[in-house]
Amino acid sequence: MISLTEIRELALSLPGAEEVKHWGKSSFRMNNKIFAVIQVDRKTLTVKTTKEEREFSIQMAPETYSIPDSFSNLNYMHINLETAKDAEVKNCIRNAWGCVAPKKVAKAYFESR
């Protein structure tokens, strides 16, 4: 299981990212837009996504990905950190950041990888 320290380090390594408390939980933001939240159980990560990516992920691995009850109309999904592969979590965090980052910043970041 990916550690919360690894999640935090990756999220904060993304250009312009910052950690802000959100209802007592650690959230990661770019320009005050949330792209990831560590849930209270510390076994679930909520990430910003696209509708298509969310549907695909849930269809492919319903034991790992789910739609938060109160977010059914928003493009966020839960990741069960106990069943998710580390590389998938890292990819989801980067993609979540890309959803909220300015297009030029995101393009430059992804092209440099």
Protein backbone atom coordinates (compact mmCIF):
# COMPACT_ATOMS: atom_id res chain seq x y z
CA MET A 1 0.00 0.00 0.00
CA ILE A 2 1.31 3.43 -0.90
CA SER A 3 2.07 5.44 2.21
CA LEU A 4 0.44 8.74 3.07
CA THR A 5 3.94 10.23 3.15
CA GLU A 6 4.47 9.18 -0.48
CA ILE A 7 1.09 10.64 -1.46
CA ARG A 8 1.91 13.92 0.27
CA GLU A 9 5.39 14.12 -1.26
CA LEU A 10 4.10 13.45 -4.77
CA ALA A 11 1.18 15.87 -4.48
CA LEU A 12 3.39 18.65 -3.13
CA SER A 13 6.04 18.05 -5.81
CA LEU A 14 3.57 19.07 -8.52
CA PRO A 15 3.97 22.68 -9.72
CA GLY A 16 1.92 25.14 -7.67
CA ALA A 17 0.46 22.49 -5.35
CA GLU A 18 -0.17 23.20 -1.71
CA GLU A 19 -1.65 21.33 1.25
CA VAL A 20 -4.67 22.88 2.94
CA LYS A 21 -6.89 21.49 5.71
CA HIS A 22 -10.39 20.74 4.44
CA TRP A 23 -12.95 19.73 7.06
CA GLY A 24 -10.12 18.37 9.20
CA LYS A 25 -8.58 16.39 6.33
CA SER A 26 -5.49 17.03 4.24
CA SER A 27 -6.39 18.35 0.83
CA PHE A 28 -4.06 19.15 -2.01
CA ARG A 29 -4.83 22.11 -4.21
CA MET A 30 -3.67 24.12 -7.19
CA ASN A 31 -4.93 27.70 -7.32
CA ASN A 32 -7.26 26.80 -4.44
CA LYS A 33 -8.88 24.03 -6.52
CA ILE A 34 -8.88 20.63 -4.81
CA PHE A 35 -7.30 17.77 -6.71
CA ALA A 36 -6.87 15.22 -3.89
CA VAL A 37 -8.07 14.64 -0.32
CA ILE A 38 -6.83 12.07 2.19
CA GLN A 39 -9.95 10.80 3.94
CA VAL A 40 -10.26 10.40 7.72
CA ASP A 41 -9.89 6.61 7.52
CA ARG A 42 -6.42 7.16 5.99
CA LYS A 43 -7.13 4.27 3.61
CA THR A 44 -9.09 6.27 1.05
CA LEU A 45 -7.90 8.99 -1.28
CA THR A 46 -10.41 11.14 -3.16
CA VAL A 47 -9.14 12.53 -6.47
CA LYS A 48 -10.41 14.85 -9.17
CA THR A 49 -10.91 13.05 -12.46
CA THR A 50 -12.82 13.20 -15.69
CA LYS A 51 -16.19 11.54 -16.06
CA GLU A 52 -14.74 9.13 -18.62
CA GLU A 53 -11.73 8.16 -16.48
CA ARG A 54 -13.95 7.67 -13.44
CA GLU A 55 -16.37 5.40 -15.30
CA PHE A 56 -13.52 3.40 -16.82
CA SER A 57 -11.70 2.98 -13.50
CA ILE A 58 -14.82 1.88 -11.64
CA GLN A 59 -15.73 -0.56 -14.38
CA MET A 60 -12.23 -2.08 -14.47
CA ALA A 61 -11.63 -2.28 -10.69
CA PRO A 62 -14.77 -1.71 -8.58
CA GLU A 63 -12.96 -3.01 -5.48
CA THR A 64 -10.48 -0.13 -5.80
CA TYR A 65 -12.43 2.78 -7.31
CA SER A 66 -15.83 4.16 -6.33
CA ILE A 67 -17.95 7.29 -6.51
CA PRO A 68 -18.29 9.18 -3.24
CA ASP A 69 -22.00 9.34 -2.29
CA SER A 70 -22.11 13.11 -2.10
CA PHE A 71 -20.07 13.56 -5.29
CA SER A 72 -22.17 11.65 -7.81
CA ASN A 73 -22.64 14.79 -9.91
CA LEU A 74 -18.99 15.91 -9.57
CA ASN A 75 -15.94 14.38 -11.21
CA TYR A 76 -14.24 12.91 -8.17
CA MET A 77 -13.63 9.30 -7.22
CA HIS A 78 -12.43 7.40 -4.18
CA ILE A 79 -9.38 5.18 -4.38
CA ASN A 80 -9.11 2.34 -1.89
CA LEU A 81 -5.42 2.55 -1.02
CA GLU A 82 -5.41 -1.01 0.34
CA THR A 83 -6.22 -2.50 -3.08
CA ALA A 84 -4.75 0.08 -5.46
CA LYS A 85 -1.34 -0.39 -7.02
CA ASP A 86 1.15 2.33 -6.06
CA ALA A 87 1.78 3.28 -9.70
CA GLU A 88 -1.97 3.68 -10.33
CA VAL A 89 -2.37 5.95 -7.29
CA LYS A 90 0.56 8.09 -8.42
CA ASN A 91 -0.87 8.33 -11.92
CA CYS A 92 -4.28 9.31 -10.53
CA ILE A 93 -2.72 12.05 -8.38
CA ARG A 94 -0.82 13.49 -11.36
CA ASN A 95 -3.93 13.34 -13.56
CA ALA A 96 -6.04 14.92 -10.78
CA TRP A 97 -3.58 17.79 -10.56
CA GLY A 98 -3.74 18.10 -14.36
CA CYS A 99 -7.53 18.51 -14.12
CA VAL A 100 -7.19 21.67 -12.02
CA ALA A 101 -3.88 23.12 -13.22
CA PRO A 102 -3.83 25.84 -15.88
CA LYS A 103 -3.61 24.20 -19.31
CA LYS A 104 -0.19 25.64 -20.14
CA VAL A 105 1.28 24.53 -16.81
CA ALA A 106 -0.18 21.03 -17.13
CA LYS A 107 0.99 20.69 -20.74
CA ALA A 108 4.54 21.73 -19.84
CA TYR A 109 4.61 19.31 -16.88
CA PHE A 110 3.32 16.29 -18.80
CA GLU A 111 5.54 16.98 -21.81
CA SER A 112 8.63 17.12 -19.57
CA ARG A 113 7.99 13.68 -18.02
